[in-house]
Amino acid sequence: LHPQIGRERPDIGKGVRSAISGAYLILYQLLEDRVEVVRYVHMRRRLEGLN
């Protein structure tokens, strides 16, 4: 997958994007030379308070 295909998530943090993989939400940031995974979150978990 192309890293920019993920949804932008300003509600979670500046520059954070999300993608779904199975039952998990992958939160990541695009840096100059790499993709940095911020967190894996199970889809049943609430996202409030993650930022």
PDB file of N, CA and C in Angstrom:
ATOM      1  N   LEU A   1       0.824  -1.185   0.000  1.00  0.00           N
ATOM      2  CA  LEU A   1       0.000   0.000   0.000  1.00  0.00           C
ATOM      3  C   LEU A   1       0.869   1.250   0.000  1.00  0.00           C
ATOM      4  N   HIS A   2       0.378   2.276  -0.613  1.00  0.00           N
ATOM      5  CA  HIS A   2       1.070   3.563  -0.612  1.00  0.00           C
ATOM      6  C   HIS A   2       0.832   4.238   0.736  1.00  0.00           C
ATOM      7  N   PRO A   3       1.869   4.761   1.393  1.00  0.00           N
ATOM      8  CA  PRO A   3       1.711   5.346   2.726  1.00  0.00           C
ATOM      9  C   PRO A   3       0.721   6.507   2.803  1.00  0.00           C
ATOM     10  N   GLN A   4       0.528   7.229   1.709  1.00  0.00           N
ATOM     11  CA  GLN A   4      -0.388   8.369   1.746  1.00  0.00           C
ATOM     12  C   GLN A   4      -1.845   7.970   1.556  1.00  0.00           C
ATOM     13  N   ILE A   5      -2.103   6.678   1.369  1.00  0.00           N
ATOM     14  CA  ILE A   5      -3.480   6.228   1.187  1.00  0.00           C
ATOM     15  C   ILE A   5      -4.252   6.251   2.515  1.00  0.00           C
ATOM     16  N   GLY A   6      -3.540   6.222   3.634  1.00  0.00           N
ATOM     17  CA  GLY A   6      -4.193   6.241   4.943  1.00  0.00           C
ATOM     18  C   GLY A   6      -4.903   7.558   5.209  1.00  0.00           C
ATOM     19  N   ARG A   7      -5.917   7.478   6.035  1.00  0.00           N
ATOM     20  CA  ARG A   7      -6.727   8.650   6.387  1.00  0.00           C
ATOM     21  C   ARG A   7      -5.961   9.563   7.339  1.00  0.00           C
ATOM     22  N   GLU A   8      -5.990  10.855   7.090  1.00  0.00           N
ATOM     23  CA  GLU A   8      -5.376  11.816   8.005  1.00  0.00           C
ATOM     24  C   GLU A   8      -6.188  11.855   9.293  1.00  0.00           C
ATOM     25  N   ARG A   9      -5.484  11.903  10.437  1.00  0.00           N
ATOM     26  CA  ARG A   9      -6.152  11.872  11.744  1.00  0.00           C
ATOM     27  C   ARG A   9      -5.705  13.021  12.641  1.00  0.00           C
ATOM     28  N   PRO A  10      -6.066  14.267  12.293  1.00  0.00           N
ATOM     29  CA  PRO A  10      -5.678  15.400  13.141  1.00  0.00           C
ATOM     30  C   PRO A  10      -6.305  15.331  14.533  1.00  0.00           C
ATOM     31  N   ASP A  11      -7.371  14.541  14.686  1.00  0.00           N
ATOM     32  CA  ASP A  11      -7.992  14.371  16.001  1.00  0.00           C
ATOM     33  C   ASP A  11      -7.096  13.597  16.962  1.00  0.00           C
ATOM     34  N   ILE A  12      -6.139  12.849  16.420  1.00  0.00           N
ATOM     35  CA  ILE A  12      -5.234  12.048  17.245  1.00  0.00           C
ATOM     36  C   ILE A  12      -3.882  12.742  17.411  1.00  0.00           C
ATOM     37  N   GLY A  13      -3.423  13.414  16.363  1.00  0.00           N
ATOM     38  CA  GLY A  13      -2.146  14.111  16.455  1.00  0.00           C
ATOM     39  C   GLY A  13      -1.750  14.724  15.127  1.00  0.00           C
ATOM     40  N   LYS A  14      -0.870  15.692  15.180  1.00  0.00           N
ATOM     41  CA  LYS A  14      -0.409  16.369  13.971  1.00  0.00           C
ATOM     42  C   LYS A  14       0.385  15.391  13.098  1.00  0.00           C
ATOM     43  N   GLY A  15      -0.024  15.285  11.835  1.00  0.00           N
ATOM     44  CA  GLY A  15       0.671  14.425  10.889  1.00  0.00           C
ATOM     45  C   GLY A  15       0.371  12.946  11.025  1.00  0.00           C
ATOM     46  N   VAL A  16      -0.575  12.573  11.888  1.00  0.00           N
ATOM     47  CA  VAL A  16      -0.904  11.158  12.099  1.00  0.00           C
ATOM     48  C   VAL A  16      -1.903  10.705  11.042  1.00  0.00           C
ATOM     49  N   ARG A  17      -1.671   9.516  10.514  1.00  0.00           N
ATOM     50  CA  ARG A  17      -2.575   8.871   9.555  1.00  0.00           C
ATOM     51  C   ARG A  17      -2.974   7.515  10.118  1.00  0.00           C
ATOM     52  N   SER A  18      -4.046   6.943   9.577  1.00  0.00           N
ATOM     53  CA  SER A  18      -4.481   5.629  10.042  1.00  0.00           C
ATOM     54  C   SER A  18      -4.783   4.718   8.865  1.00  0.00           C
ATOM     55  N   ALA A  19      -4.581   3.433   9.103  1.00  0.00           N
ATOM     56  CA  ALA A  19      -4.915   2.386   8.138  1.00  0.00           C
ATOM     57  C   ALA A  19      -5.441   1.200   8.939  1.00  0.00           C
ATOM     58  N   ILE A  20      -6.337   0.435   8.347  1.00  0.00           N
ATOM     59  CA  ILE A  20      -6.917  -0.723   9.022  1.00  0.00           C
ATOM     60  C   ILE A  20      -6.255  -1.989   8.508  1.00  0.00           C
ATOM     61  N   SER A  21      -5.909  -2.871   9.451  1.00  0.00           N
ATOM     62  CA  SER A  21      -5.354  -4.179   9.126  1.00  0.00           C
ATOM     63  C   SER A  21      -6.040  -5.197  10.026  1.00  0.00           C
ATOM     64  N   GLY A  22      -6.961  -5.954   9.452  1.00  0.00           N
ATOM     65  CA  GLY A  22      -7.719  -6.916  10.246  1.00  0.00           C
ATOM     66  C   GLY A  22      -8.522  -6.204  11.319  1.00  0.00           C
ATOM     67  N   ALA A  23      -8.321  -6.608  12.575  1.00  0.00           N
ATOM     68  CA  ALA A  23      -9.043  -6.015  13.703  1.00  0.00           C
ATOM     69  C   ALA A  23      -8.271  -4.861  14.339  1.00  0.00           C
ATOM     70  N   TYR A  24      -7.239  -4.381  13.653  1.00  0.00           N
ATOM     71  CA  TYR A  24      -6.390  -3.334  14.232  1.00  0.00           C
ATOM     72  C   TYR A  24      -6.363  -2.075  13.386  1.00  0.00           C
ATOM     73  N   LEU A  25      -6.254  -0.955  14.075  1.00  0.00           N
ATOM     74  CA  LEU A  25      -6.060   0.339  13.453  1.00  0.00           C
ATOM     75  C   LEU A  25      -4.583   0.671  13.638  1.00  0.00           C
ATOM     76  N   ILE A  26      -3.891   0.941  12.556  1.00  0.00           N
ATOM     77  CA  ILE A  26      -2.476   1.284  12.613  1.00  0.00           C
ATOM     78  C   ILE A  26      -2.363   2.795  12.484  1.00  0.00           C
ATOM     79  N   LEU A  27      -1.762   3.424  13.475  1.00  0.00           N
ATOM     80  CA  LEU A  27      -1.547   4.865  13.462  1.00  0.00           C
ATOM     81  C   LEU A  27      -0.088   5.100  13.113  1.00  0.00           C
ATOM     82  N   TYR A  28       0.160   5.967  12.139  1.00  0.00           N
ATOM     83  CA  TYR A  28       1.535   6.175  11.682  1.00  0.00           C
ATOM     84  C   TYR A  28       1.737   7.604  11.213  1.00  0.00           C
ATOM     85  N   GLN A  29       3.007   7.972  11.060  1.00  0.00           N
ATOM     86  CA  GLN A  29       3.378   9.282  10.542  1.00  0.00           C
ATOM     87  C   GLN A  29       4.341   9.091   9.383  1.00  0.00           C
ATOM     88  N   LEU A  30       4.230   9.946   8.385  1.00  0.00           N
ATOM     89  CA  LEU A  30       5.162   9.947   7.265  1.00  0.00           C
ATOM     90  C   LEU A  30       6.299  10.904   7.599  1.00  0.00           C
ATOM     91  N   LEU A  31       7.505  10.391   7.628  1.00  0.00           N
ATOM     92  CA  LEU A  31       8.679  11.213   7.849  1.00  0.00           C
ATOM     93  C   LEU A  31       9.402  11.367   6.512  1.00  0.00           C
ATOM     94  N   GLU A  32      10.469  12.128   6.472  1.00  0.00           N
ATOM     95  CA  GLU A  32      11.158  12.379   5.204  1.00  0.00           C
ATOM     96  C   GLU A  32      11.611  11.103   4.509  1.00  0.00           C
ATOM     97  N   ASP A  33      12.161  10.164   5.272  1.00  0.00           N
ATOM     98  CA  ASP A  33      12.763   8.981   4.664  1.00  0.00           C
ATOM     99  C   ASP A  33      12.156   7.656   5.115  1.00  0.00           C
ATOM    100  N   ARG A  34      11.050   7.731   5.863  1.00  0.00           N
ATOM    101  CA  ARG A  34      10.460   6.481   6.357  1.00  0.00           C
ATOM    102  C   ARG A  34       9.024   6.701   6.859  1.00  0.00           C
ATOM    103  N   VAL A  35       8.374   5.596   7.156  1.00  0.00           N
ATOM    104  CA  VAL A  35       7.061   5.604   7.807  1.00  0.00           C
ATOM    105  C   VAL A  35       7.299   5.143   9.240  1.00  0.00           C
ATOM    106  N   GLU A  36       6.821   5.921  10.193  1.00  0.00           N
ATOM    107  CA  GLU A  36       6.991   5.571  11.603  1.00  0.00           C
ATOM    108  C   GLU A  36       5.646   5.189  12.196  1.00  0.00           C
ATOM    109  N   VAL A  37       5.539   3.946  12.678  1.00  0.00           N
ATOM    110  CA  VAL A  37       4.310   3.482  13.317  1.00  0.00           C
ATOM    111  C   VAL A  37       4.253   4.082  14.716  1.00  0.00           C
ATOM    112  N   VAL A  38       3.164   4.762  14.991  1.00  0.00           N
ATOM    113  CA  VAL A  38       2.970   5.410  16.287  1.00  0.00           C
ATOM    114  C   VAL A  38       2.345   4.433  17.275  1.00  0.00           C
ATOM    115  N   ARG A  39       1.337   3.678  16.799  1.00  0.00           N
ATOM    116  CA  ARG A  39       0.627   2.762  17.689  1.00  0.00           C
ATOM    117  C   ARG A  39      -0.262   1.815  16.890  1.00  0.00           C
ATOM    118  N   TYR A  40      -0.442   0.594  17.419  1.00  0.00           N
ATOM    119  CA  TYR A  40      -1.443  -0.348  16.932  1.00  0.00           C
ATOM    120  C   TYR A  40      -2.564  -0.331  17.956  1.00  0.00           C
ATOM    121  N   VAL A  41      -3.796  -0.207  17.500  1.00  0.00           N
ATOM    122  CA  VAL A  41      -4.937  -0.143  18.419  1.00  0.00           C
ATOM    123  C   VAL A  41      -5.990  -1.144  17.957  1.00  0.00           C
ATOM    124  N   HIS A  42      -6.456  -1.995  18.876  1.00  0.00           N
ATOM    125  CA  HIS A  42      -7.533  -2.922  18.533  1.00  0.00           C
ATOM    126  C   HIS A  42      -8.785  -2.109  18.245  1.00  0.00           C
ATOM    127  N   MET A  43      -9.548  -2.505  17.240  1.00  0.00           N
ATOM    128  CA  MET A  43     -10.713  -1.741  16.799  1.00  0.00           C
ATOM    129  C   MET A  43     -11.791  -1.614  17.879  1.00  0.00           C
ATOM    130  N   ARG A  44     -11.802  -2.474  18.866  1.00  0.00           N
ATOM    131  CA  ARG A  44     -12.803  -2.381  19.937  1.00  0.00           C
ATOM    132  C   ARG A  44     -12.445  -1.329  20.979  1.00  0.00           C
ATOM    133  N   ARG A  45     -11.221  -0.854  20.932  1.00  0.00           N
ATOM    134  CA  ARG A  45     -10.785   0.144  21.916  1.00  0.00           C
ATOM    135  C   ARG A  45     -11.236   1.538  21.500  1.00  0.00           C
ATOM    136  N   ARG A  46     -11.582   2.353  22.484  1.00  0.00           N
ATOM    137  CA  ARG A  46     -11.945   3.744  22.215  1.00  0.00           C
ATOM    138  C   ARG A  46     -10.686   4.537  21.894  1.00  0.00           C
ATOM    139  N   LEU A  47     -10.815   5.485  20.979  1.00  0.00           N
ATOM    140  CA  LEU A  47      -9.671   6.287  20.570  1.00  0.00           C
ATOM    141  C   LEU A  47      -9.486   7.539  21.419  1.00  0.00           C
ATOM    142  N   GLU A  48     -10.452   7.883  22.243  1.00  0.00           N
ATOM    143  CA  GLU A  48     -10.311   9.063  23.085  1.00  0.00           C
ATOM    144  C   GLU A  48      -9.106   8.894  24.003  1.00  0.00           C
ATOM    145  N   GLY A  49      -8.333   9.954  24.133  1.00  0.00           N
ATOM    146  CA  GLY A  49      -7.196   9.930  25.042  1.00  0.00           C
ATOM    147  C   GLY A  49      -5.918   9.350  24.464  1.00  0.00           C
ATOM    148  N   LEU A  50      -5.891   9.028  23.179  1.00  0.00           N
ATOM    149  CA  LEU A  50      -4.677   8.477  22.577  1.00  0.00           C
ATOM    150  C   LEU A  50      -3.658   9.547  22.215  1.00  0.00           C
ATOM    151  N   ASN A  51      -4.097  10.782  22.043  1.00  0.00           N
ATOM    152  CA  ASN A  51      -3.156  11.811  21.596  1.00  0.00           C
ATOM    153  C   ASN A  51      -2.254  12.280  22.699  1.00  0.00           C
TER     154      ASN A  51
END
